[in-house]
Amino acid sequence: MTEPLLAFALLGAAAAFSIGCARIVSWLLDRRDYTASQQSREAQVTALARAEIAATKRGDLLAAARYAEQQEVTHVS
């Protein structure tokens, strides 16, 4: 009488463990994607800031303003 119950409990424990592992792996993959997209946005903001500084040094204030505007839009998104 106890053997079928024990087998059922063991099967349930194995299923719960498998589902838990799958959820952890899924969370890790989502976290990796989020970090990669965040690094991409940071690189884009840095490039725009450098372009804005270069345009300001050249005296091209209109281009500097465009770069600053693009940087604000990128930073907010």
C-alpha atoms as a PDB file:
ATOM      1  CA  MET A   1       0.000   0.000   0.000  1.00  0.00           C
ATOM      2  CA  THR A   2       2.811   2.430   0.754  1.00  0.00           C
ATOM      3  CA  GLU A   3       4.907   1.566  -2.308  1.00  0.00           C
ATOM      4  CA  PRO A   4       2.497   3.117  -4.863  1.00  0.00           C
ATOM      5  CA  LEU A   5       2.185   6.215  -2.674  1.00  0.00           C
ATOM      6  CA  LEU A   6       5.971   6.451  -2.360  1.00  0.00           C
ATOM      7  CA  ALA A   7       6.398   6.042  -6.115  1.00  0.00           C
ATOM      8  CA  PHE A   8       3.797   8.749  -6.775  1.00  0.00           C
ATOM      9  CA  ALA A   9       5.502  11.120  -4.321  1.00  0.00           C
ATOM     10  CA  LEU A  10       8.893  10.463  -5.898  1.00  0.00           C
ATOM     11  CA  LEU A  11       7.478  11.110  -9.379  1.00  0.00           C
ATOM     12  CA  GLY A  12       5.912  14.365  -8.159  1.00  0.00           C
ATOM     13  CA  ALA A  13       9.166  15.474  -6.561  1.00  0.00           C
ATOM     14  CA  ALA A  14      11.090  14.751  -9.765  1.00  0.00           C
ATOM     15  CA  ALA A  15       8.540  16.707 -11.816  1.00  0.00           C
ATOM     16  CA  ALA A  16       8.677  19.677  -9.420  1.00  0.00           C
ATOM     17  CA  PHE A  17      12.476  19.655  -9.527  1.00  0.00           C
ATOM     18  CA  SER A  18      12.497  19.548 -13.340  1.00  0.00           C
ATOM     19  CA  ILE A  19      10.028  22.421 -13.615  1.00  0.00           C
ATOM     20  CA  GLY A  20      12.057  24.455 -11.107  1.00  0.00           C
ATOM     21  CA  CYS A  21      15.254  23.902 -13.074  1.00  0.00           C
ATOM     22  CA  ALA A  22      13.538  24.913 -16.311  1.00  0.00           C
ATOM     23  CA  ARG A  23      12.257  28.125 -14.702  1.00  0.00           C
ATOM     24  CA  ILE A  24      15.734  28.997 -13.413  1.00  0.00           C
ATOM     25  CA  VAL A  25      17.274  28.455 -16.841  1.00  0.00           C
ATOM     26  CA  SER A  26      14.539  30.543 -18.454  1.00  0.00           C
ATOM     27  CA  TRP A  27      15.133  33.357 -15.966  1.00  0.00           C
ATOM     28  CA  LEU A  28      18.890  33.261 -16.599  1.00  0.00           C
ATOM     29  CA  LEU A  29      18.390  33.466 -20.365  1.00  0.00           C
ATOM     30  CA  ASP A  30      15.978  36.401 -19.993  1.00  0.00           C
ATOM     31  CA  ARG A  31      18.459  38.156 -17.721  1.00  0.00           C
ATOM     32  CA  ARG A  32      21.247  37.650 -20.267  1.00  0.00           C
ATOM     33  CA  ASP A  33      19.113  39.158 -23.043  1.00  0.00           C
ATOM     34  CA  TYR A  34      18.197  42.125 -20.860  1.00  0.00           C
ATOM     35  CA  THR A  35      21.858  42.769 -19.994  1.00  0.00           C
ATOM     36  CA  ALA A  36      22.877  42.592 -23.651  1.00  0.00           C
ATOM     37  CA  SER A  37      20.191  45.072 -24.715  1.00  0.00           C
ATOM     38  CA  GLN A  38      21.114  47.388 -21.838  1.00  0.00           C
ATOM     39  CA  GLN A  39      24.773  47.345 -22.884  1.00  0.00           C
ATOM     40  CA  SER A  40      23.708  48.104 -26.456  1.00  0.00           C
ATOM     41  CA  ARG A  41      21.696  51.129 -25.319  1.00  0.00           C
ATOM     42  CA  GLU A  42      24.592  52.350 -23.177  1.00  0.00           C
ATOM     43  CA  ALA A  43      26.976  52.062 -26.120  1.00  0.00           C
ATOM     44  CA  GLN A  44      24.551  53.987 -28.324  1.00  0.00           C
ATOM     45  CA  VAL A  45      24.218  56.793 -25.762  1.00  0.00           C
ATOM     46  CA  THR A  46      28.002  56.956 -25.388  1.00  0.00           C
ATOM     47  CA  ALA A  47      28.494  57.187 -29.163  1.00  0.00           C
ATOM     48  CA  LEU A  48      25.915  59.961 -29.435  1.00  0.00           C
ATOM     49  CA  ALA A  49      27.534  61.864 -26.568  1.00  0.00           C
ATOM     50  CA  ARG A  50      30.930  61.658 -28.254  1.00  0.00           C
ATOM     51  CA  ALA A  51      29.424  62.816 -31.547  1.00  0.00           C
ATOM     52  CA  GLU A  52      27.741  65.714 -29.734  1.00  0.00           C
ATOM     53  CA  ILE A  53      31.044  66.752 -28.128  1.00  0.00           C
ATOM     54  CA  ALA A  54      32.862  66.526 -31.461  1.00  0.00           C
ATOM     55  CA  ALA A  55      30.162  68.630 -33.182  1.00  0.00           C
ATOM     56  CA  THR A  56      30.351  71.218 -30.399  1.00  0.00           C
ATOM     57  CA  LYS A  57      34.134  71.430 -30.731  1.00  0.00           C
ATOM     58  CA  ARG A  58      33.733  71.961 -34.501  1.00  0.00           C
ATOM     59  CA  GLY A  59      31.269  74.740 -33.808  1.00  0.00           C
ATOM     60  CA  ASP A  60      28.393  72.898 -35.484  1.00  0.00           C
ATOM     61  CA  LEU A  61      25.799  73.674 -32.830  1.00  0.00           C
ATOM     62  CA  LEU A  62      22.869  72.498 -34.953  1.00  0.00           C
ATOM     63  CA  ALA A  63      24.400  69.030 -35.288  1.00  0.00           C
ATOM     64  CA  ALA A  64      25.240  69.035 -31.573  1.00  0.00           C
ATOM     65  CA  ALA A  65      21.618  69.811 -30.756  1.00  0.00           C
ATOM     66  CA  ARG A  66      20.438  66.954 -33.025  1.00  0.00           C
ATOM     67  CA  TYR A  67      22.807  64.522 -31.304  1.00  0.00           C
ATOM     68  CA  ALA A  68      21.639  65.699 -27.889  1.00  0.00           C
ATOM     69  CA  GLU A  69      18.013  65.186 -28.925  1.00  0.00           C
ATOM     70  CA  GLN A  70      18.748  61.679 -30.223  1.00  0.00           C
ATOM     71  CA  GLN A  71      20.578  60.912 -27.001  1.00  0.00           C
ATOM     72  CA  GLU A  72      17.578  61.976 -24.907  1.00  0.00           C
ATOM     73  CA  VAL A  73      15.238  59.808 -26.987  1.00  0.00           C
ATOM     74  CA  THR A  74      17.584  56.819 -26.674  1.00  0.00           C
ATOM     75  CA  HIS A  75      18.051  57.314 -22.951  1.00  0.00           C
ATOM     76  CA  VAL A  76      14.302  57.511 -22.266  1.00  0.00           C
ATOM     77  CA  SER A  77      13.459  54.373 -24.281  1.00  0.00           C
END
